[in-house]
Amino acid sequence: MTNILKKEILIDADAEAIWLHLTQPELMKKWIGEPQMNIEIETNWRVGSPIIISGFHHVKFKNEGIILQYEPNKLLKYTHLDSVSRLPDIPENQTILEFILSPFKDGTQLSLTITNFPTVTIFKHLEFYWRGTLEIFKRVVENQQEQVLE
C-alpha cells in the first residue's frame, strides 16, 4: 500500500485569504462538511496543541490531532486520528496532513501531502474525501474573494 497522498490545486486568491479559510473555524466549516454535519473545530493553532474536529456524518465523529507546524500564509501541518476508525491513539495510527501555500502567477498553489495511513480503508477514505474537498475549498475561497472585490 502507498503511504503518501499528494494533491495540488491552483486557487485564484492570495495566500492570506487561503490561510484564513484553512485556520479560521467559522470559515473552515464552509468547506469541511455540509451544514447538517454540525462541524465544530477546537484549537488554538499553537505547535504541540490539540486540534479537534467533530460533527455528525451518519454517526458522531471526532477527529483528533496535534499541531506540528504553523507558519502563517505558508505551512500548516497536523496529525489526524478519526474516532470512527476505533484505532488506538498511538503515533503509528496518526495520519499527517501538510498544507503548503506557494505563490503561482496571480494566485496561490495549495499543496496537500498526507502521510502515514494505518489502514487501506483510511487511505481510500482520505483520497476520496480530499479529491472533492479541495475543489469545494477552491470554490469557497474564490467566491469569498469575488464578494470582497464587489
Protein backbone atom coordinates (compact mmCIF):
# COMPACT_ATOMS: atom_id res chain seq x y z
CA MET A 1 0.00 0.00 0.00
CA THR A 2 1.17 3.51 -0.76
CA ASN A 3 1.79 5.60 2.32
CA ILE A 4 1.64 9.04 0.72
CA LEU A 5 -1.09 11.01 -0.99
CA LYS A 6 -0.36 14.29 -2.79
CA LYS A 7 -2.88 16.76 -4.16
CA GLU A 8 -2.33 20.22 -5.63
CA ILE A 9 -4.76 22.90 -6.66
CA LEU A 10 -4.40 26.42 -8.03
CA ILE A 11 -6.60 28.99 -6.33
CA ASP A 12 -7.31 32.47 -7.65
CA ALA A 13 -6.63 34.15 -4.30
CA ASP A 14 -3.68 35.33 -2.27
CA ALA A 15 -2.06 33.21 0.44
CA GLU A 16 -3.63 35.31 3.21
CA ALA A 17 -7.18 34.56 2.04
CA ILE A 18 -6.41 30.86 1.69
CA TRP A 19 -4.76 30.78 5.11
CA LEU A 20 -7.86 32.30 6.73
CA HIS A 21 -10.01 29.54 5.22
CA LEU A 22 -7.56 26.88 6.45
CA THR A 23 -7.40 28.20 10.01
CA GLN A 24 -10.50 30.21 11.00
CA PRO A 25 -13.12 27.80 12.41
CA GLU A 26 -16.12 29.68 11.01
CA LEU A 27 -14.59 29.69 7.53
CA MET A 28 -13.40 26.08 7.85
CA LYS A 29 -16.98 24.94 8.46
CA LYS A 30 -17.92 26.16 4.97
CA TRP A 31 -15.70 23.60 3.23
CA ILE A 32 -15.07 20.75 5.68
CA GLY A 33 -18.57 19.34 5.52
CA GLU A 34 -22.22 20.03 4.83
CA PRO A 35 -24.15 22.28 7.24
CA GLN A 36 -26.12 19.26 8.50
CA MET A 37 -22.87 17.77 9.83
CA ASN A 38 -22.73 20.40 12.62
CA ILE A 39 -18.94 20.69 12.36
CA GLU A 40 -17.12 22.08 15.40
CA ILE A 41 -13.41 22.94 15.40
CA GLU A 42 -11.37 23.40 18.56
CA THR A 43 -7.73 24.51 18.51
CA ASN A 44 -5.50 27.43 19.40
CA TRP A 45 -3.11 26.63 16.49
CA ARG A 46 -0.06 26.54 18.76
CA VAL A 47 2.52 23.90 17.87
CA GLY A 48 2.05 20.95 20.23
CA SER A 49 -1.59 21.83 20.95
CA PRO A 50 -4.59 19.71 20.03
CA ILE A 51 -6.91 20.14 17.07
CA ILE A 52 -10.35 18.55 17.37
CA ILE A 53 -12.86 18.45 14.52
CA SER A 54 -16.17 16.88 15.48
CA GLY A 55 -19.57 16.52 13.92
CA PHE A 56 -22.13 14.05 12.63
CA HIS A 57 -21.94 12.10 9.36
CA HIS A 58 -24.13 9.00 9.65
CA VAL A 59 -22.64 8.69 13.16
CA LYS A 60 -20.97 11.10 15.57
CA PHE A 61 -17.29 11.51 14.85
CA LYS A 62 -14.36 13.21 16.50
CA ASN A 63 -11.11 13.69 14.58
CA GLU A 64 -8.26 14.49 16.92
CA GLY A 65 -4.70 15.53 16.28
CA ILE A 66 -1.77 17.70 17.31
CA ILE A 67 -0.49 20.83 15.56
CA LEU A 68 3.02 20.02 14.28
CA GLN A 69 3.83 23.18 12.30
CA TYR A 70 2.12 26.53 11.91
CA GLU A 71 3.71 29.16 9.68
CA PRO A 72 1.07 31.75 8.72
CA ASN A 73 0.35 32.02 4.99
CA LYS A 74 2.89 29.26 4.25
CA LEU A 75 2.62 25.93 6.08
CA LEU A 76 0.14 24.06 8.27
CA LYS A 77 0.84 20.53 9.46
CA TYR A 78 -1.05 18.39 11.98
CA THR A 79 -1.83 14.81 12.89
CA HIS A 80 -5.25 13.24 12.41
CA LEU A 81 -6.98 10.27 14.01
CA ASP A 82 -10.65 9.64 13.27
CA SER A 83 -12.76 8.18 16.09
CA VAL A 84 -14.71 6.12 13.54
CA SER A 85 -11.55 4.08 12.88
CA ARG A 86 -11.58 2.86 16.51
CA LEU A 87 -7.78 2.66 16.38
CA PRO A 88 -5.73 3.36 19.50
CA ASP A 89 -4.29 6.87 19.75
CA ILE A 90 -0.66 5.96 19.12
CA PRO A 91 1.77 7.60 16.64
CA GLU A 92 1.65 4.82 14.07
CA ASN A 93 -2.16 5.30 13.75
CA GLN A 94 -1.99 9.07 13.24
CA THR A 95 -2.19 10.28 9.68
CA ILE A 96 -0.28 13.52 8.98
CA LEU A 97 -1.74 16.33 6.87
CA GLU A 98 0.54 19.05 5.50
CA PHE A 99 -0.73 22.10 3.61
CA ILE A 100 1.82 24.27 1.78
CA LEU A 101 0.91 27.57 0.12
CA SER A 102 3.10 28.85 -2.72
CA PRO A 103 2.64 31.93 -4.93
CA PHE A 104 1.75 30.99 -8.50
CA LYS A 105 1.15 33.63 -11.20
CA ASP A 106 -1.79 35.72 -9.95
CA GLY A 107 -2.89 33.20 -7.36
CA THR A 108 -1.65 30.55 -4.99
CA GLN A 109 -0.91 26.87 -5.27
CA LEU A 110 -2.18 24.82 -2.37
CA SER A 111 -0.29 21.55 -1.99
CA LEU A 112 -1.63 18.89 0.34
CA THR A 113 0.52 15.95 1.34
CA ILE A 114 -0.98 13.23 3.52
CA THR A 115 1.21 10.51 5.00
CA ASN A 116 1.06 7.58 7.40
CA PHE A 117 -2.10 5.64 6.66
CA PRO A 118 -2.60 2.93 9.27
CA THR A 119 -5.08 1.02 7.07
CA VAL A 120 -6.05 0.74 3.40
CA THR A 121 -9.57 1.87 4.33
CA ILE A 122 -8.25 5.11 5.83
CA PHE A 123 -6.13 5.75 2.72
CA LYS A 124 -9.14 5.21 0.43
CA HIS A 125 -11.40 7.37 2.59
CA LEU A 126 -8.96 10.29 2.72
CA GLU A 127 -8.19 10.00 -1.00
CA PHE A 128 -11.94 10.18 -1.78
CA TYR A 129 -12.63 12.96 0.76
CA TRP A 130 -9.81 15.28 -0.32
CA ARG A 131 -10.42 14.75 -4.06
CA GLY A 132 -13.76 16.55 -3.71
CA THR A 133 -12.98 18.72 -0.72
CA LEU A 134 -10.08 20.56 -2.36
CA GLU A 135 -12.44 21.56 -5.19
CA ILE A 136 -15.01 22.74 -2.65
CA PHE A 137 -12.26 24.63 -0.77
CA LYS A 138 -11.21 26.36 -4.00
CA ARG A 139 -14.81 27.41 -4.78
CA VAL A 140 -15.41 28.72 -1.25
CA VAL A 141 -12.19 30.79 -1.23
CA GLU A 142 -12.67 32.16 -4.75
CA ASN A 143 -16.33 33.01 -4.12
CA GLN A 144 -15.31 34.87 -0.97
CA GLN A 145 -12.67 36.76 -2.97
CA GLU A 146 -15.30 37.78 -5.56
CA GLN A 147 -17.57 39.12 -2.81
CA VAL A 148 -14.70 41.15 -1.35
CA LEU A 149 -13.95 42.69 -4.76
CA GLU A 150 -17.58 43.69 -5.41
